[in-house]
Amino acid sequence: MRTLALMLIAAGLIAGCDEKPQTVGDYRGKTDAKPYEANFGGDKAKWESTLRARNQNQNEYKRVP
């Protein structure tokens, strides 16, 4: 009985050591679009200015009188 339990424990430990590689491999899906292409029609300057304005609205030094 004890040997059976030890063999089951050993089998469980050995089975837990088998790790499959976690690489993406040969992914042929769609490529990622640039962040400014979705909402600003490819206008990178407009996207950057909007982002800068949004960051300034979160500036605590600017908001405190």
PDB file of N, CA and C in Angstrom:
ATOM      1  N   MET A   1       0.835  -1.193   0.000  1.00  0.00           N
ATOM      2  CA  MET A   1       0.000   0.000   0.000  1.00  0.00           C
ATOM      3  C   MET A   1       0.877   1.254   0.000  1.00  0.00           C
ATOM      4  N   ARG A   2       1.916   1.212   0.821  1.00  0.00           N
ATOM      5  CA  ARG A   2       2.797   2.376   0.914  1.00  0.00           C
ATOM      6  C   ARG A   2       3.586   2.563  -0.381  1.00  0.00           C
ATOM      7  N   THR A   3       4.012   1.450  -0.985  1.00  0.00           N
ATOM      8  CA  THR A   3       4.753   1.553  -2.240  1.00  0.00           C
ATOM      9  C   THR A   3       3.862   2.103  -3.349  1.00  0.00           C
ATOM     10  N   LEU A   4       2.622   1.714  -3.339  1.00  0.00           N
ATOM     11  CA  LEU A   4       1.686   2.221  -4.344  1.00  0.00           C
ATOM     12  C   LEU A   4       1.500   3.728  -4.201  1.00  0.00           C
ATOM     13  N   ALA A   5       1.386   4.193  -2.970  1.00  0.00           N
ATOM     14  CA  ALA A   5       1.231   5.625  -2.728  1.00  0.00           C
ATOM     15  C   ALA A   5       2.483   6.372  -3.165  1.00  0.00           C
ATOM     16  N   LEU A   6       3.662   5.831  -2.860  1.00  0.00           N
ATOM     17  CA  LEU A   6       4.908   6.481  -3.282  1.00  0.00           C
ATOM     18  C   LEU A   6       5.040   6.493  -4.796  1.00  0.00           C
ATOM     19  N   MET A   7       4.609   5.420  -5.447  1.00  0.00           N
ATOM     20  CA  MET A   7       4.673   5.395  -6.909  1.00  0.00           C
ATOM     21  C   MET A   7       3.712   6.410  -7.526  1.00  0.00           C
ATOM     22  N   LEU A   8       2.537   6.576  -6.938  1.00  0.00           N
ATOM     23  CA  LEU A   8       1.593   7.569  -7.453  1.00  0.00           C
ATOM     24  C   LEU A   8       2.111   8.986  -7.249  1.00  0.00           C
ATOM     25  N   ILE A   9       2.728   9.228  -6.109  1.00  0.00           N
ATOM     26  CA  ILE A   9       3.309  10.548  -5.851  1.00  0.00           C
ATOM     27  C   ILE A   9       4.448  10.821  -6.826  1.00  0.00           C
ATOM     28  N   ALA A  10       5.302   9.815  -7.041  1.00  0.00           N
ATOM     29  CA  ALA A  10       6.421   9.973  -7.976  1.00  0.00           C
ATOM     30  C   ALA A  10       5.910  10.216  -9.392  1.00  0.00           C
ATOM     31  N   ALA A  11       4.868   9.503  -9.789  1.00  0.00           N
ATOM     32  CA  ALA A  11       4.297   9.691 -11.124  1.00  0.00           C
ATOM     33  C   ALA A  11       3.707  11.097 -11.265  1.00  0.00           C
ATOM     34  N   GLY A  12       3.072  11.570 -10.207  1.00  0.00           N
ATOM     35  CA  GLY A  12       2.516  12.921 -10.241  1.00  0.00           C
ATOM     36  C   GLY A  12       3.592  13.985 -10.350  1.00  0.00           C
ATOM     37  N   LEU A  13       4.699  13.784  -9.641  1.00  0.00           N
ATOM     38  CA  LEU A  13       5.799  14.750  -9.710  1.00  0.00           C
ATOM     39  C   LEU A  13       6.459  14.744 -11.078  1.00  0.00           C
ATOM     40  N   ILE A  14       6.630  13.567 -11.638  1.00  0.00           N
ATOM     41  CA  ILE A  14       7.246  13.485 -12.966  1.00  0.00           C
ATOM     42  C   ILE A  14       6.321  14.103 -14.019  1.00  0.00           C
ATOM     43  N   ALA A  15       5.042  13.868 -13.907  1.00  0.00           N
ATOM     44  CA  ALA A  15       4.087  14.429 -14.868  1.00  0.00           C
ATOM     45  C   ALA A  15       4.039  15.949 -14.773  1.00  0.00           C
ATOM     46  N   GLY A  16       4.281  16.490 -13.589  1.00  0.00           N
ATOM     47  CA  GLY A  16       4.258  17.939 -13.409  1.00  0.00           C
ATOM     48  C   GLY A  16       5.471  18.631 -13.987  1.00  0.00           C
ATOM     49  N   CYS A  17       6.514  17.886 -14.296  1.00  0.00           N
ATOM     50  CA  CYS A  17       7.751  18.480 -14.828  1.00  0.00           C
ATOM     51  C   CYS A  17       7.709  18.656 -16.334  1.00  0.00           C
ATOM     52  N   ASP A  18       6.730  18.115 -16.989  1.00  0.00           N
ATOM     53  CA  ASP A  18       6.642  18.210 -18.439  1.00  0.00           C
ATOM     54  C   ASP A  18       5.993  19.537 -18.817  1.00  0.00           C
ATOM     55  N   GLU A  19       6.797  20.480 -19.274  1.00  0.00           N
ATOM     56  CA  GLU A  19       6.263  21.783 -19.665  1.00  0.00           C
ATOM     57  C   GLU A  19       6.423  21.975 -21.157  1.00  0.00           C
ATOM     58  N   LYS A  20       5.362  22.335 -21.800  1.00  0.00           N
ATOM     59  CA  LYS A  20       5.399  22.555 -23.240  1.00  0.00           C
ATOM     60  C   LYS A  20       5.931  23.961 -23.512  1.00  0.00           C
ATOM     61  N   PRO A  21       6.624  24.165 -24.620  1.00  0.00           N
ATOM     62  CA  PRO A  21       7.132  25.500 -24.947  1.00  0.00           C
ATOM     63  C   PRO A  21       5.970  26.480 -25.160  1.00  0.00           C
ATOM     64  N   GLN A  22       6.149  27.698 -24.712  1.00  0.00           N
ATOM     65  CA  GLN A  22       5.089  28.699 -24.787  1.00  0.00           C
ATOM     66  C   GLN A  22       5.406  29.767 -25.825  1.00  0.00           C
ATOM     67  N   THR A  23       5.885  29.363 -26.954  1.00  0.00           N
ATOM     68  CA  THR A  23       6.205  30.303 -28.017  1.00  0.00           C
ATOM     69  C   THR A  23       5.018  30.451 -28.958  1.00  0.00           C
ATOM     70  N   VAL A  24       4.951  31.576 -29.615  1.00  0.00           N
ATOM     71  CA  VAL A  24       3.860  31.840 -30.537  1.00  0.00           C
ATOM     72  C   VAL A  24       4.038  31.018 -31.803  1.00  0.00           C
ATOM     73  N   GLY A  25       5.281  30.857 -32.233  1.00  0.00           N
ATOM     74  CA  GLY A  25       5.539  30.044 -33.416  1.00  0.00           C
ATOM     75  C   GLY A  25       5.324  30.819 -34.690  1.00  0.00           C
ATOM     76  N   ASP A  26       4.622  30.222 -35.600  1.00  0.00           N
ATOM     77  CA  ASP A  26       4.422  30.803 -36.925  1.00  0.00           C
ATOM     78  C   ASP A  26       3.071  31.492 -36.999  1.00  0.00           C
ATOM     79  N   TYR A  27       2.897  32.595 -36.312  1.00  0.00           N
ATOM     80  CA  TYR A  27       1.623  33.311 -36.302  1.00  0.00           C
ATOM     81  C   TYR A  27       1.467  34.099 -37.586  1.00  0.00           C
ATOM     82  N   ARG A  28       0.390  33.878 -38.283  1.00  0.00           N
ATOM     83  CA  ARG A  28       0.151  34.572 -39.541  1.00  0.00           C
ATOM     84  C   ARG A  28      -1.139  35.395 -39.488  1.00  0.00           C
ATOM     85  N   GLY A  29      -1.461  35.900 -38.316  1.00  0.00           N
ATOM     86  CA  GLY A  29      -2.670  36.693 -38.161  1.00  0.00           C
ATOM     87  C   GLY A  29      -2.479  38.113 -38.665  1.00  0.00           C
ATOM     88  N   LYS A  30      -3.441  38.945 -38.408  1.00  0.00           N
ATOM     89  CA  LYS A  30      -3.357  40.323 -38.886  1.00  0.00           C
ATOM     90  C   LYS A  30      -2.328  41.104 -38.074  1.00  0.00           C
ATOM     91  N   THR A  31      -1.727  42.089 -38.684  1.00  0.00           N
ATOM     92  CA  THR A  31      -0.742  42.929 -38.005  1.00  0.00           C
ATOM     93  C   THR A  31      -1.460  44.023 -37.225  1.00  0.00           C
ATOM     94  N   ASP A  32      -0.807  44.532 -36.218  1.00  0.00           N
ATOM     95  CA  ASP A  32      -1.387  45.592 -35.405  1.00  0.00           C
ATOM     96  C   ASP A  32      -1.335  46.926 -36.150  1.00  0.00           C
ATOM     97  N   ALA A  33      -2.394  47.688 -36.011  1.00  0.00           N
ATOM     98  CA  ALA A  33      -2.446  49.010 -36.628  1.00  0.00           C
ATOM     99  C   ALA A  33      -1.801  50.021 -35.688  1.00  0.00           C
ATOM    100  N   LYS A  34      -1.370  51.121 -36.222  1.00  0.00           N
ATOM    101  CA  LYS A  34      -0.816  52.197 -35.408  1.00  0.00           C
ATOM    102  C   LYS A  34      -1.942  52.797 -34.573  1.00  0.00           C
ATOM    103  N   PRO A  35      -1.646  53.289 -33.366  1.00  0.00           N
ATOM    104  CA  PRO A  35      -2.722  53.794 -32.510  1.00  0.00           C
ATOM    105  C   PRO A  35      -3.443  55.010 -33.085  1.00  0.00           C
ATOM    106  N   TYR A  36      -2.780  55.796 -33.897  1.00  0.00           N
ATOM    107  CA  TYR A  36      -3.407  57.001 -34.443  1.00  0.00           C
ATOM    108  C   TYR A  36      -4.196  56.718 -35.713  1.00  0.00           C
ATOM    109  N   GLU A  37      -4.089  55.515 -36.268  1.00  0.00           N
ATOM    110  CA  GLU A  37      -4.817  55.216 -37.503  1.00  0.00           C
ATOM    111  C   GLU A  37      -6.297  54.922 -37.252  1.00  0.00           C
ATOM    112  N   ALA A  38      -6.637  54.469 -36.057  1.00  0.00           N
ATOM    113  CA  ALA A  38      -8.017  54.063 -35.792  1.00  0.00           C
ATOM    114  C   ALA A  38      -8.958  55.260 -35.711  1.00  0.00           C
ATOM    115  N   ASN A  39      -8.587  56.310 -34.970  1.00  0.00           N
ATOM    116  CA  ASN A  39      -9.513  57.418 -34.727  1.00  0.00           C
ATOM    117  C   ASN A  39      -9.172  58.689 -35.470  1.00  0.00           C
ATOM    118  N   PHE A  40      -7.949  58.821 -35.942  1.00  0.00           N
ATOM    119  CA  PHE A  40      -7.542  60.089 -36.537  1.00  0.00           C
ATOM    120  C   PHE A  40      -7.179  59.959 -38.010  1.00  0.00           C
ATOM    121  N   GLY A  41      -7.509  58.848 -38.616  1.00  0.00           N
ATOM    122  CA  GLY A  41      -7.301  58.683 -40.051  1.00  0.00           C
ATOM    123  C   GLY A  41      -5.846  58.754 -40.464  1.00  0.00           C
ATOM    124  N   GLY A  42      -4.926  58.373 -39.607  1.00  0.00           N
ATOM    125  CA  GLY A  42      -3.507  58.388 -39.930  1.00  0.00           C
ATOM    126  C   GLY A  42      -2.819  59.705 -39.637  1.00  0.00           C
ATOM    127  N   ASP A  43      -3.513  60.677 -39.040  1.00  0.00           N
ATOM    128  CA  ASP A  43      -2.912  61.969 -38.721  1.00  0.00           C
ATOM    129  C   ASP A  43      -2.188  61.870 -37.378  1.00  0.00           C
ATOM    130  N   LYS A  44      -0.887  61.609 -37.454  1.00  0.00           N
ATOM    131  CA  LYS A  44      -0.094  61.388 -36.243  1.00  0.00           C
ATOM    132  C   LYS A  44       0.055  62.670 -35.425  1.00  0.00           C
ATOM    133  N   ALA A  45       0.187  63.801 -36.062  1.00  0.00           N
ATOM    134  CA  ALA A  45       0.354  65.070 -35.347  1.00  0.00           C
ATOM    135  C   ALA A  45      -0.895  65.410 -34.532  1.00  0.00           C
ATOM    136  N   LYS A  46      -2.067  65.184 -35.110  1.00  0.00           N
ATOM    137  CA  LYS A  46      -3.315  65.454 -34.395  1.00  0.00           C
ATOM    138  C   LYS A  46      -3.460  64.505 -33.203  1.00  0.00           C
ATOM    139  N   TRP A  47      -3.088  63.236 -33.398  1.00  0.00           N
ATOM    140  CA  TRP A  47      -3.143  62.259 -32.315  1.00  0.00           C
ATOM    141  C   TRP A  47      -2.208  62.650 -31.170  1.00  0.00           C
ATOM    142  N   GLU A  48      -0.995  63.092 -31.507  1.00  0.00           N
ATOM    143  CA  GLU A  48      -0.034  63.500 -30.475  1.00  0.00           C
ATOM    144  C   GLU A  48      -0.504  64.730 -29.716  1.00  0.00           C
ATOM    145  N   SER A  49      -1.099  65.705 -30.420  1.00  0.00           N
ATOM    146  CA  SER A  49      -1.572  66.906 -29.734  1.00  0.00           C
ATOM    147  C   SER A  49      -2.765  66.587 -28.825  1.00  0.00           C
ATOM    148  N   THR A  50      -3.645  65.700 -29.264  1.00  0.00           N
ATOM    149  CA  THR A  50      -4.772  65.283 -28.423  1.00  0.00           C
ATOM    150  C   THR A  50      -4.274  64.540 -27.190  1.00  0.00           C
ATOM    151  N   LEU A  51      -3.292  63.697 -27.363  1.00  0.00           N
ATOM    152  CA  LEU A  51      -2.715  62.960 -26.241  1.00  0.00           C
ATOM    153  C   LEU A  51      -2.033  63.905 -25.252  1.00  0.00           C
ATOM    154  N   ARG A  52      -1.329  64.883 -25.773  1.00  0.00           N
ATOM    155  CA  ARG A  52      -0.665  65.870 -24.917  1.00  0.00           C
ATOM    156  C   ARG A  52      -1.688  66.682 -24.128  1.00  0.00           C
ATOM    157  N   ALA A  53      -2.784  67.079 -24.767  1.00  0.00           N
ATOM    158  CA  ALA A  53      -3.832  67.842 -24.081  1.00  0.00           C
ATOM    159  C   ALA A  53      -4.505  67.006 -22.998  1.00  0.00           C
ATOM    160  N   ARG A  54      -4.728  65.736 -23.274  1.00  0.00           N
ATOM    161  CA  ARG A  54      -5.331  64.861 -22.272  1.00  0.00           C
ATOM    162  C   ARG A  54      -4.399  64.682 -21.073  1.00  0.00           C
ATOM    163  N   ASN A  55      -3.112  64.571 -21.334  1.00  0.00           N
ATOM    164  CA  ASN A  55      -2.150  64.448 -20.233  1.00  0.00           C
ATOM    165  C   ASN A  55      -2.092  65.724 -19.401  1.00  0.00           C
ATOM    166  N   GLN A  56      -2.229  66.869 -20.028  1.00  0.00           N
ATOM    167  CA  GLN A  56      -2.204  68.120 -19.274  1.00  0.00           C
ATOM    168  C   GLN A  56      -3.441  68.267 -18.398  1.00  0.00           C
ATOM    169  N   ASN A  57      -4.567  67.697 -18.799  1.00  0.00           N
ATOM    170  CA  ASN A  57      -5.767  67.731 -17.970  1.00  0.00           C
ATOM    171  C   ASN A  57      -5.621  66.871 -16.721  1.00  0.00           C
ATOM    172  N   GLN A  58      -4.693  65.938 -16.735  1.00  0.00           N
ATOM    173  CA  GLN A  58      -4.445  65.086 -15.577  1.00  0.00           C
ATOM    174  C   GLN A  58      -3.305  65.611 -14.707  1.00  0.00           C
ATOM    175  N   ASN A  59      -2.753  66.747 -15.052  1.00  0.00           N
ATOM    176  CA  ASN A  59      -1.645  67.324 -14.314  1.00  0.00           C
ATOM    177  C   ASN A  59      -2.172  67.999 -13.053  1.00  0.00           C
ATOM    178  N   GLU A  60      -1.804  67.498 -11.889  1.00  0.00           N
ATOM    179  CA  GLU A  60      -2.285  68.035 -10.624  1.00  0.00           C
ATOM    180  C   GLU A  60      -1.754  69.456 -10.349  1.00  0.00           C
ATOM    181  N   TYR A  61      -0.548  69.746 -10.783  1.00  0.00           N
ATOM    182  CA  TYR A  61       0.015  71.078 -10.560  1.00  0.00           C
ATOM    183  C   TYR A  61      -0.766  72.149 -11.318  1.00  0.00           C
ATOM    184  N   LYS A  62      -1.301  71.804 -12.457  1.00  0.00           N
ATOM    185  CA  LYS A  62      -2.064  72.746 -13.258  1.00  0.00           C
ATOM    186  C   LYS A  62      -3.466  72.949 -12.675  1.00  0.00           C
ATOM    187  N   ARG A  63      -4.006  71.925 -12.014  1.00  0.00           N
ATOM    188  CA  ARG A  63      -5.376  71.988 -11.507  1.00  0.00           C
ATOM    189  C   ARG A  63      -5.488  72.705 -10.160  1.00  0.00           C
ATOM    190  N   VAL A  64      -4.422  72.712  -9.345  1.00  0.00           N
ATOM    191  CA  VAL A  64      -4.468  73.335  -8.014  1.00  0.00           C
ATOM    192  C   VAL A  64      -4.194  74.825  -8.159  1.00  0.00           C
ATOM    193  N   PRO A  65      -5.019  75.678  -7.565  1.00  0.00           N
ATOM    194  CA  PRO A  65      -4.803  77.120  -7.707  1.00  0.00           C
ATOM    195  C   PRO A  65      -3.577  77.622  -6.943  1.00  0.00           C
TER     196      PRO A  65
END
